[in-house]
Amino acid sequence: MIVRSAVEVVDPAASGTSWIRRENLAQQALDRAIATLGHPWMGYVGDWHSHPAPCEASAQDLKSIRSASRAYPRPLLLIVHRSGGVLDIRAARRGRSQTVLEVTA
């Protein structure tokens, strides 16, 4: 997998410590990106965001990626960039998630 583009989906209610994946807005943004960039292999890989505190993926993060994974045939990734340069990488497929990797960037 190669990531060449990222699409920002703005959550109007987001704060410095909270963000919720808005399914409809995310799908609309993905549809626009695919139509604009027009490559047949392009698709949704998963979500990414940062945490201001040195904490791993939250319960809301995991719930969000599990829920989104039910709509796609292939696994999705959740990447949380934690303070200190640590990446917390989780995968979800068909509503189930697991830790893939935790590395220092």
C-alpha atoms as a PDB file:
ATOM      1  CA  MET A   1       0.000   0.000   0.000  1.00  0.00           C
ATOM      2  CA  ILE A   2       1.240   3.477  -0.862  1.00  0.00           C
ATOM      3  CA  VAL A   3      -0.424   6.566   0.567  1.00  0.00           C
ATOM      4  CA  ARG A   4      -0.180   9.453  -1.877  1.00  0.00           C
ATOM      5  CA  SER A   5      -3.014  11.613  -0.710  1.00  0.00           C
ATOM      6  CA  ALA A   6      -4.930  12.358   2.456  1.00  0.00           C
ATOM      7  CA  VAL A   7      -8.351  13.905   2.688  1.00  0.00           C
ATOM      8  CA  GLU A   8      -9.306  16.031   5.663  1.00  0.00           C
ATOM      9  CA  VAL A   9     -12.824  15.505   6.936  1.00  0.00           C
ATOM     10  CA  VAL A  10     -13.640  18.399   9.210  1.00  0.00           C
ATOM     11  CA  ASP A  11     -15.610  17.659  12.352  1.00  0.00           C
ATOM     12  CA  PRO A  12     -17.252  20.959  13.316  1.00  0.00           C
ATOM     13  CA  ALA A  13     -17.575  19.759  16.917  1.00  0.00           C
ATOM     14  CA  ALA A  14     -13.910  18.684  17.250  1.00  0.00           C
ATOM     15  CA  SER A  15     -11.773  20.040  20.059  1.00  0.00           C
ATOM     16  CA  GLY A  16      -8.172  19.628  21.124  1.00  0.00           C
ATOM     17  CA  THR A  17      -9.130  16.375  22.846  1.00  0.00           C
ATOM     18  CA  SER A  18     -12.113  15.054  20.901  1.00  0.00           C
ATOM     19  CA  TRP A  19     -12.953  14.107  17.330  1.00  0.00           C
ATOM     20  CA  ILE A  20     -15.727  11.952  15.917  1.00  0.00           C
ATOM     21  CA  ARG A  21     -15.646  10.349  12.489  1.00  0.00           C
ATOM     22  CA  ARG A  22     -18.693  11.568  10.599  1.00  0.00           C
ATOM     23  CA  GLU A  23     -19.572   8.663   8.291  1.00  0.00           C
ATOM     24  CA  ASN A  24     -21.577  10.651   5.733  1.00  0.00           C
ATOM     25  CA  LEU A  25     -19.057  13.495   5.506  1.00  0.00           C
ATOM     26  CA  ALA A  26     -16.178  11.010   5.253  1.00  0.00           C
ATOM     27  CA  GLN A  27     -17.859   9.090   2.419  1.00  0.00           C
ATOM     28  CA  GLN A  28     -18.645  12.302   0.528  1.00  0.00           C
ATOM     29  CA  ALA A  29     -15.026  13.464   0.874  1.00  0.00           C
ATOM     30  CA  LEU A  30     -13.742  10.068  -0.325  1.00  0.00           C
ATOM     31  CA  ASP A  31     -16.108  10.068  -3.311  1.00  0.00           C
ATOM     32  CA  ARG A  32     -14.921  13.577  -4.312  1.00  0.00           C
ATOM     33  CA  ALA A  33     -11.252  12.608  -3.957  1.00  0.00           C
ATOM     34  CA  ILE A  34     -11.643   9.462  -6.050  1.00  0.00           C
ATOM     35  CA  ALA A  35     -13.551  11.395  -8.742  1.00  0.00           C
ATOM     36  CA  THR A  36     -10.909  14.146  -8.791  1.00  0.00           C
ATOM     37  CA  LEU A  37      -7.804  11.959  -8.667  1.00  0.00           C
ATOM     38  CA  GLY A  38      -9.397   9.252 -10.786  1.00  0.00           C
ATOM     39  CA  HIS A  39      -7.052   6.316 -10.265  1.00  0.00           C
ATOM     40  CA  PRO A  40      -8.778   2.886 -10.306  1.00  0.00           C
ATOM     41  CA  TRP A  41      -6.678   1.592  -7.385  1.00  0.00           C
ATOM     42  CA  MET A  42      -7.469   4.513  -5.128  1.00  0.00           C
ATOM     43  CA  GLY A  43      -9.588   3.896  -2.070  1.00  0.00           C
ATOM     44  CA  TYR A  44     -10.037   4.358   1.634  1.00  0.00           C
ATOM     45  CA  VAL A  45      -7.178   3.096   3.809  1.00  0.00           C
ATOM     46  CA  GLY A  46      -8.304   4.339   7.206  1.00  0.00           C
ATOM     47  CA  ASP A  47      -8.231   7.208   9.685  1.00  0.00           C
ATOM     48  CA  TRP A  48      -5.363   9.169  11.156  1.00  0.00           C
ATOM     49  CA  HIS A  49      -5.115  11.872  13.799  1.00  0.00           C
ATOM     50  CA  SER A  50      -2.848  13.002  16.607  1.00  0.00           C
ATOM     51  CA  HIS A  51      -3.173  12.899  20.373  1.00  0.00           C
ATOM     52  CA  PRO A  52      -1.814  15.802  22.428  1.00  0.00           C
ATOM     53  CA  ALA A  53      -1.165  13.528  25.412  1.00  0.00           C
ATOM     54  CA  PRO A  54       0.978  10.367  25.439  1.00  0.00           C
ATOM     55  CA  CYS A  55      -2.015   8.039  25.213  1.00  0.00           C
ATOM     56  CA  GLU A  56      -2.890   5.269  22.793  1.00  0.00           C
ATOM     57  CA  ALA A  57      -5.976   4.968  20.620  1.00  0.00           C
ATOM     58  CA  SER A  58      -9.050   5.792  22.683  1.00  0.00           C
ATOM     59  CA  ALA A  59     -12.179   3.691  23.071  1.00  0.00           C
ATOM     60  CA  GLN A  60     -13.917   6.132  20.696  1.00  0.00           C
ATOM     61  CA  ASP A  61     -11.081   5.719  18.149  1.00  0.00           C
ATOM     62  CA  LEU A  62     -11.457   1.939  18.213  1.00  0.00           C
ATOM     63  CA  LYS A  63     -15.254   2.086  18.047  1.00  0.00           C
ATOM     64  CA  SER A  64     -15.015   4.416  15.036  1.00  0.00           C
ATOM     65  CA  ILE A  65     -12.584   2.275  13.029  1.00  0.00           C
ATOM     66  CA  ARG A  66     -14.472  -0.945  13.849  1.00  0.00           C
ATOM     67  CA  SER A  67     -17.709   0.649  12.691  1.00  0.00           C
ATOM     68  CA  ALA A  68     -16.148   1.966   9.467  1.00  0.00           C
ATOM     69  CA  SER A  69     -14.555  -1.421   8.733  1.00  0.00           C
ATOM     70  CA  ARG A  70     -17.958  -3.027   8.353  1.00  0.00           C
ATOM     71  CA  ALA A  71     -18.505  -1.031   5.140  1.00  0.00           C
ATOM     72  CA  TYR A  72     -15.305  -2.142   3.354  1.00  0.00           C
ATOM     73  CA  PRO A  73     -14.126  -5.572   2.210  1.00  0.00           C
ATOM     74  CA  ARG A  74     -10.460  -4.988   3.097  1.00  0.00           C
ATOM     75  CA  PRO A  75      -8.945  -4.104   6.474  1.00  0.00           C
ATOM     76  CA  LEU A  76      -8.741  -0.442   7.503  1.00  0.00           C
ATOM     77  CA  LEU A  77      -5.999   1.241   9.505  1.00  0.00           C
ATOM     78  CA  LEU A  78      -6.183   3.667  12.383  1.00  0.00           C
ATOM     79  CA  ILE A  79      -2.946   5.572  12.961  1.00  0.00           C
ATOM     80  CA  VAL A  80      -2.611   7.714  16.076  1.00  0.00           C
ATOM     81  CA  HIS A  81       0.464   9.931  16.281  1.00  0.00           C
ATOM     82  CA  ARG A  82       1.189  10.145  19.984  1.00  0.00           C
ATOM     83  CA  SER A  83       3.436  12.686  21.651  1.00  0.00           C
ATOM     84  CA  GLY A  84       7.077  11.666  21.664  1.00  0.00           C
ATOM     85  CA  GLY A  85       6.866  10.500  18.050  1.00  0.00           C
ATOM     86  CA  VAL A  86       5.135   7.191  18.802  1.00  0.00           C
ATOM     87  CA  LEU A  87       2.758   5.799  16.170  1.00  0.00           C
ATOM     88  CA  ASP A  88      -0.043   3.570  17.450  1.00  0.00           C
ATOM     89  CA  ILE A  89      -1.262   1.552  14.444  1.00  0.00           C
ATOM     90  CA  ARG A  90      -4.421  -0.534  14.624  1.00  0.00           C
ATOM     91  CA  ALA A  91      -6.231  -2.537  11.954  1.00  0.00           C
ATOM     92  CA  ALA A  92      -9.919  -3.322  11.757  1.00  0.00           C
ATOM     93  CA  ARG A  93     -11.790  -5.720   9.531  1.00  0.00           C
ATOM     94  CA  ARG A  94     -15.470  -6.618   9.602  1.00  0.00           C
ATOM     95  CA  GLY A  95     -15.977  -4.869  12.936  1.00  0.00           C
ATOM     96  CA  ARG A  96     -13.007  -6.356  14.792  1.00  0.00           C
ATOM     97  CA  SER A  97      -9.796  -4.499  15.627  1.00  0.00           C
ATOM     98  CA  GLN A  98      -6.299  -5.438  16.695  1.00  0.00           C
ATOM     99  CA  THR A  99      -3.012  -3.687  17.407  1.00  0.00           C
ATOM    100  CA  VAL A 100      -0.728  -3.960  14.403  1.00  0.00           C
ATOM    101  CA  LEU A 101       2.323  -2.031  15.497  1.00  0.00           C
ATOM    102  CA  GLU A 102       3.578   0.577  17.903  1.00  0.00           C
ATOM    103  CA  VAL A 103       6.721   2.314  16.707  1.00  0.00           C
ATOM    104  CA  THR A 104       8.702   5.422  17.487  1.00  0.00           C
ATOM    105  CA  ALA A 105       8.829   7.622  14.404  1.00  0.00           C
END
